[in-house]
C-alpha atoms as a PDB file:
ATOM      1  CA  MET A   1     195.768  67.852  47.508  1.00  0.00           C
ATOM      2  CA  LEU A   2     194.515  63.939  46.929  1.00  0.00           C
ATOM      3  CA  ARG A   3     198.447  63.549  47.807  1.00  0.00           C
ATOM      4  CA  ARG A   4     198.135  64.920  51.665  1.00  0.00           C
ATOM      5  CA  ILE A   5     194.091  63.567  52.065  1.00  0.00           C
ATOM      6  CA  ARG A   6     196.261  60.080  51.536  1.00  0.00           C
ATOM      7  CA  LEU A   7     198.957  61.154  53.819  1.00  0.00           C
ATOM      8  CA  PHE A   8     196.417  62.413  56.779  1.00  0.00           C
ATOM      9  CA  LEU A   9     194.567  59.297  56.222  1.00  0.00           C
ATOM     10  CA  TRP A  10     197.869  56.864  56.549  1.00  0.00           C
ATOM     11  CA  ALA A  11     199.085  59.317  59.844  1.00  0.00           C
ATOM     12  CA  ALA A  12     195.153  58.576  61.141  1.00  0.00           C
ATOM     13  CA  LEU A  13     195.683  54.987  60.520  1.00  0.00           C
ATOM     14  CA  LEU A  14     198.917  55.027  62.187  1.00  0.00           C
ATOM     15  CA  CYS A  15     197.755  56.619  65.324  1.00  0.00           C
ATOM     16  CA  VAL A  16     194.707  54.371  65.520  1.00  0.00           C
ATOM     17  CA  ALA A  17     196.229  51.100  65.398  1.00  0.00           C
ATOM     18  CA  PRO A  18     198.100  51.158  68.238  1.00  0.00           C
ATOM     19  CA  ALA A  19     195.332  52.080  70.258  1.00  0.00           C
ATOM     20  CA  ARG A  20     192.883  49.560  68.556  1.00  0.00           C
ATOM     21  CA  ALA A  21     195.317  46.975  69.512  1.00  0.00           C
ATOM     22  CA  GLN A  22     194.609  47.984  72.986  1.00  0.00           C
ATOM     23  CA  ASP A  23     191.381  48.084  73.450  1.00  0.00           C
ATOM     24  CA  THR A  24     190.489  44.237  72.313  1.00  0.00           C
ATOM     25  CA  GLN A  25     189.353  41.922  75.015  1.00  0.00           C
ATOM     26  CA  PRO A  26     190.857  38.730  76.014  1.00  0.00           C
ATOM     27  CA  GLY A  27     190.227  36.059  73.761  1.00  0.00           C
ATOM     28  CA  GLU A  28     189.441  38.314  70.947  1.00  0.00           C
ATOM     29  CA  ALA A  29     191.865  38.691  67.663  1.00  0.00           C
ATOM     30  CA  PRO A  30     193.460  42.348  67.358  1.00  0.00           C
ATOM     31  CA  ALA A  31     193.083  44.261  63.730  1.00  0.00           C
ATOM     32  CA  LEU A  32     196.603  43.754  63.019  1.00  0.00           C
ATOM     33  CA  LYS A  33     198.456  40.173  63.241  1.00  0.00           C
ATOM     34  CA  ALA A  34     200.406  40.536  66.813  1.00  0.00           C
ATOM     35  CA  LYS A  35     203.323  40.873  64.711  1.00  0.00           C
ATOM     36  CA  GLN A  36     203.087  43.100  62.280  1.00  0.00           C
ATOM     37  CA  VAL A  37     203.002  46.718  62.282  1.00  0.00           C
ATOM     38  CA  LEU A  38     201.922  49.610  59.913  1.00  0.00           C
ATOM     39  CA  TYR A  39     205.040  51.621  58.761  1.00  0.00           C
ATOM     40  CA  LEU A  40     204.676  54.876  56.931  1.00  0.00           C
ATOM     41  CA  ALA A  41     207.966  56.220  55.416  1.00  0.00           C
ATOM     42  CA  PRO A  42     209.463  59.717  56.819  1.00  0.00           C
ATOM     43  CA  SER A  43     209.550  60.264  53.084  1.00  0.00           C
ATOM     44  CA  HIS A  44     206.232  59.371  53.002  1.00  0.00           C
ATOM     45  CA  LEU A  45     206.492  57.933  49.496  1.00  0.00           C
ATOM     46  CA  PHE A  46     204.996  54.720  50.726  1.00  0.00           C
ATOM     47  CA  ALA A  47     203.355  52.970  53.507  1.00  0.00           C
ATOM     48  CA  CYS A  48     203.103  49.449  54.419  1.00  0.00           C
ATOM     49  CA  GLU A  49     203.115  46.461  57.032  1.00  0.00           C
ATOM     50  CA  VAL A  50     206.180  45.343  58.234  1.00  0.00           C
ATOM     51  CA  PRO A  51     207.467  42.939  61.248  1.00  0.00           C
ATOM     52  CA  THR A  52     207.350  44.204  64.804  1.00  0.00           C
ATOM     53  CA  GLY A  53     210.926  44.583  65.784  1.00  0.00           C
ATOM     54  CA  TRP A  54     212.701  45.169  62.479  1.00  0.00           C
ATOM     55  CA  LYS A  55     214.770  48.293  62.747  1.00  0.00           C
ATOM     56  CA  ALA A  56     213.807  51.138  59.965  1.00  0.00           C
ATOM     57  CA  PHE A  57     215.670  53.814  58.713  1.00  0.00           C
ATOM     58  CA  GLU A  58     215.959  55.883  55.598  1.00  0.00           C
ATOM     59  CA  THR A  59     218.665  57.358  53.465  1.00  0.00           C
ATOM     60  CA  GLU A  60     218.897  59.336  50.385  1.00  0.00           C
ATOM     61  CA  ASP A  61     221.959  58.634  47.972  1.00  0.00           C
ATOM     62  CA  ALA A  62     222.749  59.453  44.412  1.00  0.00           C
ATOM     63  CA  LEU A  63     219.972  56.519  42.909  1.00  0.00           C
ATOM     64  CA  GLY A  64     217.473  58.234  45.535  1.00  0.00           C
ATOM     65  CA  PRO A  65     215.932  57.779  48.944  1.00  0.00           C
ATOM     66  CA  VAL A  66     215.700  54.018  50.445  1.00  0.00           C
ATOM     67  CA  VAL A  67     214.120  52.846  53.001  1.00  0.00           C
ATOM     68  CA  ARG A  68     215.970  49.677  54.898  1.00  0.00           C
ATOM     69  CA  LEU A  69     214.324  47.557  57.814  1.00  0.00           C
ATOM     70  CA  LEU A  70     216.825  45.026  59.289  1.00  0.00           C
ATOM     71  CA  GLY A  71     215.153  41.710  60.803  1.00  0.00           C
ATOM     72  CA  PRO A  72     216.798  39.362  62.653  1.00  0.00           C
ATOM     73  CA  ASP A  73     220.299  37.432  62.147  1.00  0.00           C
ATOM     74  CA  ASN A  74     220.471  33.518  60.366  1.00  0.00           C
ATOM     75  CA  PRO A  75     221.113  31.068  62.960  1.00  0.00           C
ATOM     76  CA  ALA A  76     224.987  31.049  61.893  1.00  0.00           C
ATOM     77  CA  GLY A  77     224.904  35.034  62.672  1.00  0.00           C
ATOM     78  CA  THR A  78     226.535  35.681  59.257  1.00  0.00           C
ATOM     79  CA  TYR A  79     223.980  37.327  57.498  1.00  0.00           C
ATOM     80  CA  ARG A  80     220.940  39.667  58.637  1.00  0.00           C
ATOM     81  CA  THR A  81     217.496  39.628  56.816  1.00  0.00           C
ATOM     82  CA  GLY A  82     216.422  42.846  55.871  1.00  0.00           C
ATOM     83  CA  LEU A  83     213.823  44.504  53.541  1.00  0.00           C
ATOM     84  CA  SER A  84     214.615  47.432  51.331  1.00  0.00           C
ATOM     85  CA  VAL A  85     211.688  49.910  49.127  1.00  0.00           C
ATOM     86  CA  ARG A  86     213.779  52.039  47.014  1.00  0.00           C
ATOM     87  CA  TRP A  87     212.400  54.908  44.712  1.00  0.00           C
ATOM     88  CA  PHE A  88     213.756  55.054  41.621  1.00  0.00           C
ATOM     89  CA  GLU A  89     212.893  58.582  39.634  1.00  0.00           C
ATOM     90  CA  LYS A  90     212.854  59.226  35.840  1.00  0.00           C
ATOM     91  CA  GLY A  91     216.112  61.738  35.424  1.00  0.00           C
ATOM     92  CA  ASN A  92     218.171  60.735  38.576  1.00  0.00           C
ATOM     93  CA  PRO A  93     221.756  59.352  38.379  1.00  0.00           C
ATOM     94  CA  GLY A  94     221.424  55.696  37.884  1.00  0.00           C
ATOM     95  CA  TYR A  95     217.892  55.698  36.554  1.00  0.00           C
ATOM     96  CA  VAL A  96     217.222  52.896  34.488  1.00  0.00           C
ATOM     97  CA  GLU A  97     213.673  51.727  32.989  1.00  0.00           C
ATOM     98  CA  PRO A  98     211.824  49.292  35.176  1.00  0.00           C
ATOM     99  CA  GLN A  99     211.686  46.817  32.382  1.00  0.00           C
ATOM    100  CA  LYS A 100     215.500  47.122  31.657  1.00  0.00           C
ATOM    101  CA  ALA A 101     216.330  46.987  35.494  1.00  0.00           C
ATOM    102  CA  VAL A 102     213.953  43.533  35.876  1.00  0.00           C
ATOM    103  CA  ASP A 103     216.117  42.091  33.013  1.00  0.00           C
ATOM    104  CA  VAL A 104     219.658  43.192  34.650  1.00  0.00           C
ATOM    105  CA  MET A 105     218.551  41.818  37.907  1.00  0.00           C
ATOM    106  CA  ARG A 106     217.483  38.801  36.607  1.00  0.00           C
ATOM    107  CA  ARG A 107     220.668  38.109  34.199  1.00  0.00           C
ATOM    108  CA  SER A 108     222.740  34.783  35.058  1.00  0.00           C
ATOM    109  CA  ASP A 109     226.315  35.332  36.544  1.00  0.00           C
ATOM    110  CA  ARG A 110     229.136  32.459  36.546  1.00  0.00           C
ATOM    111  CA  ASP A 111     230.903  34.401  38.717  1.00  0.00           C
ATOM    112  CA  THR A 112     227.933  34.596  42.325  1.00  0.00           C
ATOM    113  CA  LYS A 113     226.362  32.018  40.098  1.00  0.00           C
ATOM    114  CA  ARG A 114     223.374  34.105  40.530  1.00  0.00           C
ATOM    115  CA  SER A 115     219.941  32.613  38.736  1.00  0.00           C
ATOM    116  CA  ALA A 116     216.372  33.857  39.049  1.00  0.00           C
ATOM    117  CA  THR A 117     212.644  32.598  38.343  1.00  0.00           C
ATOM    118  CA  ALA A 118     210.616  33.513  35.847  1.00  0.00           C
ATOM    119  CA  VAL A 119     208.565  37.118  36.639  1.00  0.00           C
ATOM    120  CA  VAL A 120     205.091  37.030  37.626  1.00  0.00           C
ATOM    121  CA  HIS A 121     202.525  39.980  37.431  1.00  0.00           C
ATOM    122  CA  MET A 122     200.691  40.992  40.462  1.00  0.00           C
ATOM    123  CA  ARG A 123     198.748  44.172  41.368  1.00  0.00           C
ATOM    124  CA  VAL A 124     200.375  46.159  44.414  1.00  0.00           C
ATOM    125  CA  GLY A 125     198.579  49.129  45.789  1.00  0.00           C
ATOM    126  CA  GLY A 126     196.791  49.513  42.539  1.00  0.00           C
ATOM    127  CA  LEU A 127     200.224  49.174  40.320  1.00  0.00           C
ATOM    128  CA  LEU A 128     201.009  46.433  37.790  1.00  0.00           C
ATOM    129  CA  ALA A 129     204.139  44.541  39.679  1.00  0.00           C
ATOM    130  CA  ARG A 130     206.700  42.384  38.419  1.00  0.00           C
ATOM    131  CA  ILE A 131     207.824  39.693  40.883  1.00  0.00           C
ATOM    132  CA  PHE A 132     210.369  37.429  40.822  1.00  0.00           C
ATOM    133  CA  GLU A 133     213.536  35.609  42.998  1.00  0.00           C
ATOM    134  CA  VAL A 134     216.558  35.861  42.985  1.00  0.00           C
ATOM    135  CA  VAL A 135     219.277  33.415  44.347  1.00  0.00           C
ATOM    136  CA  GLU A 136     223.447  34.273  44.262  1.00  0.00           C
ATOM    137  CA  THR A 137     226.390  33.023  46.568  1.00  0.00           C
ATOM    138  CA  GLN A 138     228.689  35.333  48.704  1.00  0.00           C
ATOM    139  CA  THR A 139     231.398  34.321  51.038  1.00  0.00           C
ATOM    140  CA  LEU A 140     230.152  35.155  54.234  1.00  0.00           C
ATOM    141  CA  PRO A 141     230.594  36.508  56.780  1.00  0.00           C
ATOM    142  CA  LEU A 142     232.541  39.854  55.339  1.00  0.00           C
ATOM    143  CA  GLU A 143     234.531  41.018  58.180  1.00  0.00           C
ATOM    144  CA  ARG A 144     236.196  38.007  59.974  1.00  0.00           C
ATOM    145  CA  LEU A 145     237.306  34.570  59.036  1.00  0.00           C
ATOM    146  CA  PRO A 146     236.790  31.971  58.432  1.00  0.00           C
ATOM    147  CA  ALA A 147     234.514  32.737  55.645  1.00  0.00           C
ATOM    148  CA  ASP A 148     232.407  30.552  53.428  1.00  0.00           C
ATOM    149  CA  GLU A 149     230.041  30.432  50.510  1.00  0.00           C
ATOM    150  CA  GLU A 150     226.209  30.586  51.048  1.00  0.00           C
ATOM    151  CA  GLN A 151     223.318  31.017  48.921  1.00  0.00           C
ATOM    152  CA  ILE A 152     221.589  34.605  49.338  1.00  0.00           C
ATOM    153  CA  HIS A 153     217.916  34.327  48.289  1.00  0.00           C
ATOM    154  CA  HIS A 154     215.760  37.840  47.425  1.00  0.00           C
ATOM    155  CA  TYR A 155     212.042  37.736  46.910  1.00  0.00           C
ATOM    156  CA  VAL A 156     211.993  40.926  44.449  1.00  0.00           C
ATOM    157  CA  ALA A 157     209.230  43.266  42.990  1.00  0.00           C
ATOM    158  CA  VAL A 158     209.465  46.195  40.962  1.00  0.00           C
ATOM    159  CA  ILE A 159     206.063  48.246  40.999  1.00  0.00           C
ATOM    160  CA  PRO A 160     205.817  50.959  38.230  1.00  0.00           C
ATOM    161  CA  SER A 161     204.790  54.151  38.902  1.00  0.00           C
ATOM    162  CA  GLY A 162     204.516  55.973  35.597  1.00  0.00           C
ATOM    163  CA  PHE A 163     208.069  56.821  34.265  1.00  0.00           C
ATOM    164  CA  ASN A 164     209.276  55.760  37.969  1.00  0.00           C
ATOM    165  CA  TYR A 165     209.078  52.987  39.859  1.00  0.00           C
ATOM    166  CA  TYR A 166     209.839  51.352  43.375  1.00  0.00           C
ATOM    167  CA  LEU A 167     212.078  48.302  43.990  1.00  0.00           C
ATOM    168  CA  VAL A 168     211.109  45.863  47.061  1.00  0.00           C
ATOM    169  CA  ARG A 169     213.465  43.610  48.028  1.00  0.00           C
ATOM    170  CA  LEU A 170     214.031  41.084  50.993  1.00  0.00           C
ATOM    171  CA  SER A 171     216.954  39.318  51.060  1.00  0.00           C
ATOM    172  CA  SER A 172     218.349  36.468  53.480  1.00  0.00           C
ATOM    173  CA  THR A 173     220.066  33.247  53.390  1.00  0.00           C
ATOM    174  CA  ARG A 174     218.966  30.467  51.541  1.00  0.00           C
ATOM    175  CA  ALA A 175     218.327  28.511  54.392  1.00  0.00           C
ATOM    176  CA  VAL A 176     216.009  30.392  56.101  1.00  0.00           C
ATOM    177  CA  TYR A 177     213.887  32.517  53.001  1.00  0.00           C
ATOM    178  CA  LEU A 178     210.920  30.378  53.796  1.00  0.00           C
ATOM    179  CA  ASP A 179     210.377  32.101  57.157  1.00  0.00           C
ATOM    180  CA  PHE A 180     209.982  35.380  55.364  1.00  0.00           C
ATOM    181  CA  ARG A 181     207.622  34.915  52.537  1.00  0.00           C
ATOM    182  CA  GLU A 182     204.909  35.521  54.362  1.00  0.00           C
ATOM    183  CA  ASP A 183     206.280  38.886  55.500  1.00  0.00           C
ATOM    184  CA  TYR A 184     207.516  39.786  52.426  1.00  0.00           C
ATOM    185  CA  MET A 185     203.692  39.040  50.800  1.00  0.00           C
ATOM    186  CA  ARG A 186     201.891  41.023  53.841  1.00  0.00           C
ATOM    187  CA  CYS A 187     204.372  43.603  52.838  1.00  0.00           C
ATOM    188  CA  LEU A 188     203.009  43.542  49.161  1.00  0.00           C
ATOM    189  CA  ASN A 189     199.775  43.342  49.612  1.00  0.00           C
ATOM    190  CA  THR A 190     199.189  46.416  52.517  1.00  0.00           C
ATOM    191  CA  PHE A 191     201.956  48.462  50.196  1.00  0.00           C
ATOM    192  CA  LYS A 192     200.778  51.754  49.083  1.00  0.00           C
ATOM    193  CA  PRO A 193     202.348  54.033  47.000  1.00  0.00           C
ATOM    194  CA  LEU A 194     202.195  57.690  47.700  1.00  0.00           C
ATOM    195  CA  GLY A 195     204.743  58.627  45.599  1.00  0.00           C
ATOM    196  CA  ARG A 196     206.277  62.274  45.650  1.00  0.00           C
END
């Protein structure tokens, strides 16, 4: 019952936010930043603010549901910035406990030159998240030559909800990753876990 009430409230907010933005008078600031929009996942697993114009789609694979939001290409056109939110549910194939998932993602790798920052704890949607950054090297572009090694930067948040958890990741090239930090933090600061 509580879940239905939450979904109803978020659906109402989704309808009201665009209308409120149109009601503002010249010189007034709209309720949401003009470059952000409230996004409710089709599976109703979460809601958060995301950059306007990013293309969103949700799929489900063997690991569970995942929402992907595709942003702009980097200046070289070799990598597209993207935000993904994946739901891991205990009992599904490929499930690992949240702490083990954090350890695996932060593990150094000589082949990809992967390195990670320390874990920082932060409240996200009332849940205690583990947040860190990972840098690794990939050969880009993948589909054509000439290709070159390029550093990829990932902002990562693991947000446990009981035995289940969300994995929220923003990936971009190292050259432009700071351009998307504010978008990532806004996503986390407005993240509402609705669960299943």
